[in-house]
Protein backbone atom coordinates (compact mmCIF):
# COMPACT_ATOMS: atom_id res chain seq x y z
CA MET A 1 9.51 33.59 6.49
CA LEU A 2 9.19 30.84 9.09
CA TYR A 3 5.39 30.98 8.97
CA SER A 4 5.31 30.60 5.20
CA SER A 5 7.58 27.54 5.43
CA LEU A 6 5.31 25.97 8.03
CA VAL A 7 2.18 26.71 6.01
CA MET A 8 3.71 25.31 2.80
CA THR A 9 4.88 22.19 4.66
CA PHE A 10 1.36 21.66 5.97
CA VAL A 11 -0.20 22.21 2.53
CA ILE A 12 2.23 19.82 0.85
CA VAL A 13 1.75 17.11 3.46
CA VAL A 14 -2.04 17.34 3.29
CA PHE A 15 -2.53 17.74 -0.46
CA ALA A 16 0.43 15.74 -1.79
CA GLU A 17 0.63 12.95 0.79
CA VAL A 18 -2.44 12.35 2.91
CA LEU A 19 -5.28 13.30 0.57
CA PRO A 20 -4.21 11.23 -2.48
CA LYS A 21 -3.47 8.18 -0.33
CA THR A 22 -6.82 8.44 1.42
CA VAL A 23 -8.69 8.76 -1.88
CA ALA A 24 -6.75 5.84 -3.36
CA PHE A 25 -7.45 3.71 -0.31
CA ASN A 26 -11.19 4.43 -0.37
CA ALA A 27 -11.73 4.08 -4.14
CA PRO A 28 -8.71 2.29 -5.65
CA ASP A 29 -10.23 1.38 -9.02
CA HIS A 30 -11.69 4.82 -9.64
CA PHE A 31 -8.46 6.51 -8.56
CA ALA A 32 -6.29 4.23 -10.73
CA LEU A 33 -8.43 4.89 -13.78
CA ALA A 34 -8.40 8.63 -13.12
CA VAL A 35 -4.61 8.91 -12.86
CA ALA A 36 -3.50 6.28 -15.41
CA ARG A 37 -3.71 8.49 -18.51
CA PRO A 38 -2.05 11.60 -16.96
CA ILE A 39 0.77 9.41 -15.61
CA ALA A 40 1.27 7.80 -19.03
CA TRP A 41 1.44 11.25 -20.66
CA THR A 42 3.92 12.44 -18.05
CA VAL A 43 6.13 9.40 -18.60
CA ARG A 44 6.11 9.93 -22.37
CA LEU A 45 6.85 13.63 -21.94
CA LEU A 46 9.76 13.11 -19.55
CA THR A 47 11.35 10.08 -21.26
CA PRO A 48 13.72 12.18 -23.44
CA ALA A 49 14.84 14.20 -20.41
CA LEU A 50 15.43 11.00 -18.45
CA ALA A 51 17.48 9.53 -21.30
CA ALA A 52 19.58 12.71 -21.50
CA ILE A 53 20.19 12.73 -17.74
CA GLU A 54 21.12 9.05 -17.79
CA ALA A 55 23.57 9.64 -20.66
CA LEU A 56 25.12 12.57 -18.77
CA VAL A 57 25.52 10.52 -15.58
CA ASN A 58 27.06 7.61 -17.50
CA TRP A 59 29.49 9.99 -19.22
CA LEU A 60 30.47 11.59 -15.90
CA LEU A 61 31.01 8.21 -14.26
CA ARG A 62 33.16 7.00 -17.16
CA SER A 63 35.17 10.23 -17.12
CA PHE A 64 36.00 9.55 -13.46
CA GLY A 65 37.18 6.05 -14.37
CA MET A 66 34.25 4.00 -13.14
CA GLN A 67 33.55 0.79 -15.02
CA LEU A 68 29.85 0.54 -15.81
CA GLY A 69 27.99 -2.73 -16.20
CA GLU A 70 30.43 -4.94 -14.27
CA GLY A 71 28.35 -5.41 -11.12
CA PRO A 72 25.06 -7.23 -10.74
CA ALA A 73 22.29 -5.85 -12.92
CA ILE A 74 19.88 -3.48 -11.24
CA ILE A 75 16.31 -4.24 -12.22
CA SER A 76 14.00 -1.29 -12.68
CA PRO A 77 10.63 -1.46 -10.89
CA HIS A 78 8.93 -1.73 -14.28
CA GLU A 79 11.02 -4.74 -15.25
CA GLU A 80 10.54 -6.30 -11.82
CA LEU A 81 6.76 -6.12 -12.24
CA ARG A 82 7.03 -7.73 -15.67
CA ARG A 83 9.06 -10.60 -14.23
CA ARG A 84 6.58 -11.24 -11.44
CA GLY A 85 4.08 -12.53 -14.00
CA ARG A 86 6.50 -15.27 -15.02
CA PRO A 87 7.26 -18.38 -13.00
CA PRO A 88 10.60 -18.27 -11.19
CA ALA A 89 13.59 -19.80 -12.91
CA PRO A 90 14.51 -23.27 -11.65
CA ARG A 91 17.43 -23.37 -9.23
CA ARG A 92 20.48 -25.40 -10.03
CA ARG A 93 21.58 -28.03 -7.56
CA ARG A 94 25.27 -28.36 -6.80
């Protein structure tokens, strides 16, 4: 049992961590083009599940009396990348 855990840990670290990062570092354009379409398909496939999970979490939080949407807005990484292309908003002087 212990040996199988060690072997699986090694396999996961090598094939899921080190190997993809090394390939991406050595050939970033080729790697990006190779994984772009499968990632887009995966996102489209999992979007309904993500929406259902988010709805469930929101319902659970409301049922425990938490007020949603009162704190500062949390920007998703996707939205943050979109905003980086725009110039920053001017700051107000006091």
